[in-house]
Protein backbone atom coordinates (compact mmCIF):
# COMPACT_ATOMS: atom_id res chain seq x y z
CA MET A 1 165.98 125.55 169.71
CA ILE A 2 165.66 128.54 167.40
CA THR A 3 169.47 128.89 167.16
CA THR A 4 169.85 125.21 166.38
CA LEU A 5 167.23 125.26 163.64
CA LEU A 6 168.67 128.38 162.04
CA GLU A 7 172.27 127.14 162.14
CA MET A 8 171.17 123.90 160.50
CA ALA A 9 169.76 126.04 157.67
CA PHE A 10 172.74 128.42 157.48
CA ALA A 11 175.12 125.71 156.26
CA THR A 12 173.73 125.56 152.74
CA ASN A 13 171.90 127.75 150.24
CA GLY A 14 168.46 127.01 148.83
CA LEU A 15 166.90 125.12 151.74
CA GLY A 16 164.50 125.98 154.54
CA MET A 17 162.14 124.23 156.95
CA ASN A 18 158.50 123.97 157.93
CA ILE A 19 158.44 123.46 161.70
CA ASP A 20 155.29 122.68 163.70
CA LEU A 21 155.75 122.76 167.48
CA THR A 22 152.08 122.22 168.35
CA ASP A 23 152.69 118.79 169.89
CA ILE A 24 155.23 120.09 172.41
CA ASP A 25 153.65 120.73 175.78
CA GLU A 26 154.73 124.33 176.31
CA PRO A 27 152.26 127.11 175.43
CA ASP A 28 154.77 129.98 175.62
CA ILE A 29 156.62 130.15 172.27
CA ILE A 30 159.46 132.22 173.74
CA LYS A 31 160.12 129.70 176.50
CA LEU A 32 159.99 126.94 173.91
CA LEU A 33 162.32 128.50 171.32
CA PHE A 34 164.82 129.86 173.86
CA SER A 35 164.72 127.07 176.43
CA GLU A 36 168.06 125.96 177.90
CA LYS A 37 166.81 122.48 178.81
CA PRO A 38 168.95 119.75 177.25
CA GLY A 39 167.65 118.27 174.03
CA ILE A 40 168.73 117.18 170.57
CA ILE A 41 167.37 118.03 167.13
CA ILE A 42 168.30 115.58 164.39
CA GLN A 43 167.59 115.57 160.67
CA VAL A 44 167.17 112.05 159.30
CA LYS A 45 166.43 110.44 155.97
CA ASP A 46 164.78 107.16 157.03
CA THR A 47 162.29 108.55 159.54
CA LEU A 48 160.48 105.26 160.12
CA ALA A 49 163.66 103.36 161.01
CA VAL A 50 164.84 106.11 163.35
CA GLN A 51 161.45 106.36 165.05
CA ASN A 52 161.41 102.58 165.58
CA PHE A 53 164.91 102.69 167.07
CA LEU A 54 163.98 105.52 169.45
CA ASP A 55 160.79 103.76 170.50
CA THR A 56 162.66 100.50 171.11
CA SER A 57 165.29 102.37 173.12
CA LYS A 58 162.55 104.16 175.12
CA ILE A 59 163.79 107.57 174.03
CA SER A 60 161.01 110.10 173.71
CA ALA A 61 160.99 112.06 170.46
CA ILE A 62 158.63 114.37 168.60
CA TRP A 63 158.49 114.85 164.84
CA ILE A 64 158.61 118.61 164.30
CA GLY A 65 158.86 119.24 160.56
CA ASP A 66 160.31 118.89 157.09
CA VAL A 67 163.02 120.40 154.91
CA THR A 68 161.78 122.65 152.10
CA ARG A 69 163.25 124.27 148.99
CA SER A 70 162.44 127.78 150.19
CA ARG A 71 164.77 130.09 152.13
CA THR A 72 162.28 130.53 154.97
CA LEU A 73 162.09 128.93 158.39
CA ASN A 74 158.36 128.65 158.95
CA ILE A 75 157.52 128.05 162.62
CA GLN A 76 154.01 127.15 163.69
CA LYS A 77 152.49 126.68 167.15
CA GLY A 78 148.78 125.94 167.03
CA SER A 79 147.16 128.61 164.86
CA GLU A 80 150.08 131.05 165.16
CA LYS A 81 152.81 131.22 162.52
CA TRP A 82 156.19 132.96 162.32
CA PRO A 83 158.01 133.04 158.95
CA LEU A 84 161.74 133.82 159.42
CA ASP A 85 164.03 135.01 156.62
CA ILE A 86 167.03 132.63 156.86
CA ASP A 87 169.41 134.68 154.70
CA LYS A 88 168.71 137.89 156.61
CA LEU A 89 169.24 136.18 159.96
CA ARG A 90 172.39 134.47 158.64
CA ASP A 91 173.90 137.90 157.94
CA THR A 92 172.99 138.95 161.49
CA TRP A 93 174.61 135.77 162.83
CA TYR A 94 177.78 136.39 160.75
CA LYS A 95 178.06 140.09 161.52
CA THR A 96 180.08 139.66 164.72
CA SER A 97 182.71 137.72 162.74
CA TYR A 98 182.78 140.53 160.19
CA LEU A 99 183.31 143.16 162.90
CA LEU A 100 186.21 141.17 164.34
CA ASP A 101 187.59 140.56 160.85
CA ARG A 102 187.76 144.33 160.24
CA LYS A 103 190.26 144.62 163.08
CA GLN A 104 192.33 141.70 161.78
CA CYS A 105 192.58 142.26 158.03
CA GLY A 106 191.00 145.66 157.38
CA GLU A 107 187.67 146.96 156.16
CA LYS A 108 188.11 146.08 152.47
CA LEU A 109 188.76 142.35 152.80
CA ALA A 110 186.47 141.96 155.81
CA LEU A 111 183.61 143.40 153.78
CA GLU A 112 184.55 141.24 150.80
CA ARG A 113 184.42 138.11 152.97
CA PHE A 114 181.09 139.22 154.49
CA THR A 115 179.68 139.82 151.00
CA ASN A 116 181.02 136.62 149.45
CA TYR A 117 180.63 134.00 152.17
CA LYS A 118 177.12 133.11 150.98
CA ASN A 119 177.91 133.57 147.28
CA GLN A 120 180.83 131.13 147.01
CA SER A 121 178.98 127.85 147.39
CA LEU A 122 180.87 124.58 147.15
CA LYS A 123 180.03 123.06 143.78
CA TYR A 124 181.70 120.02 142.28
CA VAL A 125 182.37 118.59 138.84
CA PHE A 126 183.79 115.06 138.92
CA LYS A 127 185.30 113.68 135.73
CA SER A 128 183.19 111.28 133.73
CA GLY A 129 183.80 107.68 134.71
CA PHE A 130 185.03 108.39 138.26
CA LYS A 131 184.00 105.36 140.35
CA GLY A 132 185.49 106.33 143.70
CA THR A 133 186.64 102.81 144.61
CA PHE A 134 189.99 101.37 145.65
CA GLU A 135 189.63 98.73 142.96
CA SER A 136 189.13 101.24 140.14
CA TYR A 137 192.56 102.71 140.92
CA HIS A 138 194.19 99.33 141.60
CA VAL A 139 195.11 100.33 145.14
CA ASN A 140 195.05 98.20 148.25
CA PRO A 141 194.96 100.00 151.62
CA LYS A 142 196.08 96.80 153.36
CA ARG A 143 199.06 95.97 151.19
CA SER A 144 202.30 94.99 152.92
CA ALA A 145 204.41 93.95 149.93
CA GLN A 146 206.64 96.48 148.23
CA THR A 147 205.92 97.57 144.67
CA GLY A 148 209.42 98.70 143.80
CA ILE A 149 208.22 102.18 142.82
CA ARG A 150 210.26 104.28 145.21
CA ALA A 151 209.59 107.79 146.48
CA ALA A 152 210.72 109.94 149.39
CA ILE A 153 209.25 112.51 151.74
CA ILE A 154 211.61 115.44 152.30
CA ARG A 155 211.28 116.90 155.80
CA GLU A 156 212.77 119.91 157.53
CA LYS A 157 212.45 120.63 161.24
CA GLY A 158 208.97 121.85 162.05
CA VAL A 159 207.01 120.43 159.10
CA ASN A 160 203.83 118.53 159.94
CA GLY A 161 202.36 117.22 156.69
CA ASP A 162 204.63 114.23 156.29
CA ARG A 163 202.38 111.44 157.58
CA GLU A 164 199.29 112.34 155.56
CA MET A 165 201.44 112.74 152.45
CA ALA A 166 203.29 109.48 153.02
CA TYR A 167 200.00 107.63 153.43
CA ALA A 168 198.48 109.11 150.26
CA MET A 169 201.57 108.01 148.35
CA TYR A 170 201.58 104.56 149.96
CA LEU A 171 197.88 104.10 149.19
CA ALA A 172 198.55 104.88 145.53
CA GLY A 173 201.18 102.14 145.41
CA LEU A 174 204.47 103.90 146.09
CA ASP A 175 207.16 102.64 148.45
CA VAL A 176 207.81 105.72 150.56
CA LYS A 177 210.79 106.49 152.75
CA ASP A 178 211.39 109.34 155.14
CA VAL A 179 214.28 111.70 154.37
CA HIS A 180 215.14 114.48 156.79
CA MET A 181 217.32 117.42 155.78
CA THR A 182 220.00 116.17 158.15
CA ASP A 183 220.15 112.96 156.09
CA LEU A 184 220.91 115.01 152.96
CA ILE A 185 223.29 117.42 154.68
CA THR A 186 225.41 114.58 156.08
CA GLY A 187 225.30 112.56 152.88
CA ARG A 188 223.44 109.63 154.44
CA GLU A 189 220.86 110.06 151.67
CA THR A 190 221.55 110.99 148.05
CA LEU A 191 218.08 110.48 146.45
CA GLU A 192 219.70 108.22 143.85
CA ASP A 193 217.33 105.35 144.64
CA VAL A 194 214.02 107.25 144.36
CA GLN A 195 212.06 108.58 141.40
CA MET A 196 209.85 111.02 143.25
CA ILE A 197 210.40 113.46 146.10
CA VAL A 198 207.75 115.45 147.94
CA PHE A 199 208.43 118.58 149.98
CA VAL A 200 205.65 118.55 152.55
CA GLY A 201 203.70 121.30 154.27
CA GLY A 202 203.96 122.57 157.80
CA PHE A 203 205.95 125.12 159.71
CA SER A 204 209.60 124.66 158.86
CA ASN A 205 212.00 126.73 160.94
CA SER A 206 209.14 127.97 163.18
CA ASP A 207 207.29 129.28 160.12
CA VAL A 208 208.52 132.83 160.59
CA LEU A 209 207.87 135.14 157.65
CA GLY A 210 209.87 133.87 154.73
CA SER A 211 210.33 130.49 156.43
CA ALA A 212 211.00 128.74 153.13
CA LYS A 213 214.16 130.78 152.77
CA GLY A 214 215.65 128.89 155.70
CA TRP A 215 214.67 125.54 154.20
CA ALA A 216 216.03 126.60 150.82
CA GLY A 217 219.25 127.73 152.51
CA ALA A 218 219.71 124.24 153.94
CA PHE A 219 220.13 123.09 150.33
CA LEU A 220 222.03 126.06 148.97
CA TYR A 221 224.68 126.23 151.70
CA ASN A 222 225.27 122.53 152.36
CA PRO A 223 227.26 120.97 149.50
CA LYS A 224 226.08 117.37 149.93
CA ALA A 225 222.41 118.36 150.12
CA LYS A 226 222.78 120.64 147.11
CA ALA A 227 224.54 117.94 145.09
CA ALA A 228 221.81 115.42 145.90
CA LEU A 229 219.09 117.87 144.82
CA ASP A 230 220.90 119.00 141.67
CA ASN A 231 221.55 115.43 140.59
CA PHE A 232 217.92 114.46 141.20
CA TYR A 233 216.62 117.27 139.00
CA LYS A 234 219.13 116.50 136.24
CA ARG A 235 217.55 113.07 135.78
CA SER A 236 214.74 112.53 133.25
CA ASP A 237 213.00 109.78 135.25
CA THR A 238 211.98 111.89 138.25
CA LEU A 239 208.91 113.71 139.59
CA SER A 240 208.58 116.17 142.43
CA LEU A 241 205.74 117.76 144.37
CA GLY A 242 205.74 120.65 146.81
CA VAL A 243 202.70 121.40 148.96
CA CYS A 244 202.22 124.54 151.09
CA ASN A 245 205.57 125.07 152.84
CA GLY A 246 207.00 122.61 150.30
CA CYS A 247 205.60 124.76 147.50
CA GLN A 248 207.33 127.78 148.99
CA VAL A 249 210.71 126.08 149.12
CA MET A 250 210.49 124.76 145.55
CA ILE A 251 209.57 128.24 144.32
CA GLU A 252 212.40 129.76 146.36
CA LEU A 253 214.86 127.32 144.79
CA GLY A 254 213.55 128.00 141.27
CA LEU A 255 212.79 124.32 140.66
CA VAL A 256 209.55 124.86 138.74
CA THR A 257 210.62 127.61 136.31
CA PRO A 258 214.35 126.98 135.83
CA SER A 259 214.45 128.62 132.40
CA HIS A 260 212.92 131.90 133.59
CA GLU A 261 215.31 134.70 134.43
CA ASP A 262 212.85 136.18 136.94
CA LYS A 263 211.27 133.65 139.28
CA PRO A 264 207.81 133.67 140.89
CA LYS A 265 207.56 134.65 144.54
CA MET A 266 205.39 133.52 147.42
CA ARG A 267 204.09 136.54 149.33
CA LEU A 268 202.11 137.18 152.48
CA ASN A 269 198.36 136.65 152.06
CA ASN A 270 196.48 139.85 151.24
CA SER A 271 194.63 139.48 154.53
CA HIS A 272 197.98 139.52 156.38
CA LYS A 273 196.83 136.53 158.40
CA PHE A 274 196.83 132.75 158.32
CA GLU A 275 193.98 131.42 156.17
CA SER A 276 192.47 128.00 156.83
CA ILE A 277 189.44 127.14 154.74
CA PHE A 278 187.84 124.36 152.71
CA LEU A 279 187.13 125.71 149.24
CA ASN A 280 186.66 124.98 145.55
CA VAL A 281 189.43 124.65 142.98
CA ASP A 282 189.22 124.20 139.21
CA ILE A 283 191.70 122.12 137.27
CA PRO A 284 192.17 123.61 133.78
CA GLU A 285 193.77 121.87 130.84
CA ASN A 286 197.41 121.48 131.87
CA ARG A 287 200.58 119.51 131.26
CA SER A 288 201.09 118.19 134.79
CA VAL A 289 201.86 114.48 135.09
CA MET A 290 199.81 114.35 138.29
CA LEU A 291 196.85 116.58 137.39
CA GLN A 292 196.49 116.42 133.61
CA SER A 293 193.88 113.65 133.70
CA LEU A 294 191.71 115.67 136.10
CA LYS A 295 191.26 118.59 133.70
CA GLY A 296 187.75 120.00 133.78
CA SER A 297 187.21 118.97 137.39
CA ARG A 298 185.99 121.27 140.14
CA LEU A 299 186.86 119.76 143.52
CA GLY A 300 186.99 120.59 147.20
CA ILE A 301 190.27 120.98 149.06
CA TRP A 302 191.79 122.46 152.22
CA VAL A 303 194.18 125.38 152.41
CA ALA A 304 196.10 126.40 155.53
CA HIS A 305 198.81 128.99 155.04
CA GLY A 306 199.97 132.52 155.74
CA GLU A 307 202.27 133.09 152.73
CA GLY A 308 200.40 131.55 149.81
CA LYS A 309 200.10 134.45 147.38
CA PHE A 310 201.67 133.64 144.01
CA GLU A 311 203.38 136.68 142.51
CA PHE A 312 204.39 136.30 138.86
CA PRO A 313 206.83 138.50 136.94
CA TYR A 314 205.43 137.39 133.55
CA GLU A 315 202.02 137.13 131.91
CA GLU A 316 199.73 134.21 132.72
CA GLN A 317 200.41 132.33 129.49
CA GLN A 318 204.09 132.00 130.43
CA TYR A 319 203.19 129.48 133.14
CA ASN A 320 201.88 125.93 133.16
CA ILE A 321 198.98 126.59 135.54
CA ALA A 322 197.66 123.34 136.94
CA MET A 323 195.03 124.54 139.40
CA LYS A 324 193.04 127.70 140.11
CA PHE A 325 190.81 128.83 142.91
CA SER A 326 187.25 128.67 141.59
CA TYR A 327 186.36 132.13 142.87
CA GLU A 328 188.60 135.13 142.26
CA GLY A 329 187.14 137.13 145.15
CA TYR A 330 188.18 136.72 148.77
CA PRO A 331 187.95 134.32 150.56
CA GLY A 332 187.48 131.93 147.60
CA ASN A 333 190.92 133.10 146.53
CA PRO A 334 192.22 133.10 150.12
CA ASN A 335 195.59 134.72 149.52
CA GLY A 336 195.03 137.08 146.58
CA SER A 337 197.15 135.09 144.13
CA ALA A 338 197.55 136.56 140.67
CA TYR A 339 195.24 134.90 138.13
CA ALA A 340 193.65 133.04 141.12
CA VAL A 341 196.48 130.49 140.79
CA ALA A 342 196.61 127.63 143.29
CA ALA A 343 199.24 125.45 141.55
CA ILE A 344 201.81 125.64 138.77
CA CYS A 345 203.93 123.01 137.08
CA SER A 346 207.18 122.84 135.17
CA ASP A 347 206.97 122.99 131.38
CA ASP A 348 207.62 119.26 131.07
CA GLY A 349 204.88 118.48 133.60
CA ARG A 350 207.13 116.64 136.04
CA HIS A 351 207.52 119.13 138.88
CA LEU A 352 204.36 120.45 140.55
CA VAL A 353 203.81 122.95 143.36
CA MET A 354 200.56 123.91 145.05
CA MET A 355 199.38 125.70 148.16
CA PRO A 356 196.23 123.59 148.81
CA HIS A 357 196.67 120.27 150.63
CA LEU A 358 195.53 117.48 148.29
CA GLU A 359 196.91 114.89 150.73
CA ARG A 360 194.33 116.06 153.28
CA ALA A 361 191.44 115.43 150.90
CA ILE A 362 191.86 111.91 149.51
CA PHE A 363 188.92 110.41 151.45
CA PRO A 364 185.29 111.61 151.36
CA TRP A 365 185.31 112.05 155.14
CA ASN A 366 188.25 114.46 154.78
CA TRP A 367 186.02 116.92 152.93
CA ALA A 368 183.98 119.54 154.77
CA PHE A 369 181.16 118.77 152.32
CA TYR A 370 180.91 115.80 149.96
CA PRO A 371 178.15 115.11 147.39
CA GLU A 372 175.33 113.16 148.99
CA GLU A 373 174.76 111.11 145.85
CA ARG A 374 178.33 109.74 146.15
CA ASN A 375 177.98 108.29 149.63
CA ASN A 376 179.55 104.95 148.60
CA ASP A 377 182.87 106.44 147.44
CA GLN A 378 185.96 105.06 149.17
CA VAL A 379 188.32 107.69 147.76
CA THR A 380 187.99 111.14 146.19
CA PRO A 381 189.38 112.18 142.79
CA TRP A 382 192.55 113.50 144.48
CA ILE A 383 193.91 109.96 144.78
CA GLU A 384 194.17 109.99 140.98
CA ALA A 385 197.01 112.52 141.16
CA PHE A 386 199.14 110.04 143.09
CA VAL A 387 198.05 107.12 140.92
CA ASN A 388 199.07 109.13 137.85
CA ALA A 389 202.50 109.59 139.44
CA ARG A 390 202.71 105.85 140.05
CA GLU A 391 201.88 104.97 136.46
CA TRP A 392 204.32 107.53 135.03
CA MET A 393 207.11 106.23 137.25
CA LYS A 394 206.39 102.65 136.21
CA GLY A 395 206.72 103.67 132.57
CA ASN A 396 209.92 105.67 133.08
CA ARG A 397 212.10 103.31 135.09
């Protein structure tokens, strides 16, 4: 019981509990708090409705306490009281992870994670006027008719982000088709009939170090695939997006900074290990077709990558930065990217690359934590990026 209560409090900052166990028929507090008998502790909002349901279902339950705004877990049994420091015990609870982390990524970053894990709270800023409904974005999750706004998923062997990405694009109103690298290499596909292409995330070519080089090579050393890509990027009516592994391949091919003599690089994370975490990102003022309207937002998003560190040969102002990690310290900046960059865009705003997975965060239930006051939202602000693409493509056909 004591572990359950503490772990319920560990998940957020600024909250505690007053717990009174007097009504439980066990005089020994140690047996009570460390009992291995099966039981469930639930935190509910409508206590009367839940109590009525449990009574009707003949499920015995005891009300044991309330949530408070202090960082103390106050436990009472009769006249005896035990105040427990939640933050101190949370560090004790986390210490074993820190000790393991030292062996995986070294003392410096392990200590930085241990220091920062409780200081990098998820905090959100949604743009004014965000309604969070399908209707507000003119999207229909049940549509079957085509819209005529055509886009393509580009896949290489081993990628795994294609279905989530295709659905996010479909939901926003795009007609999406699947294009594998073999389709481009053989000439079965030329990309002439689509306005947008998306290089998806995953583990192309087994995701060995420098895996995007293999994917890039499939374009560079296959004439038909290279011609299709070159012709697509010569057009003025096209958009492109690269996420995670797709970001790596677009950077490797120089598709985002074509005018720069020295190109950015994607390097191994500073931790030298795969990082998977739900974190905060800020969207600054930018020129991206997809993200420009979200400027000023601070949102939640997933990352999952091993080579996500942006390395830039030029100063920050030379790049159209479309997204930054909200915290510069590790693990809020999970890969050690220069300037805490999470996404950059071409100068004209049409070609965007990012390491975080926006396609995995378009619904509130995708998020590890979503604002309680927005519990009626059907979609998150990330759907707006795809809707922005839809509207731009409609205006540039």
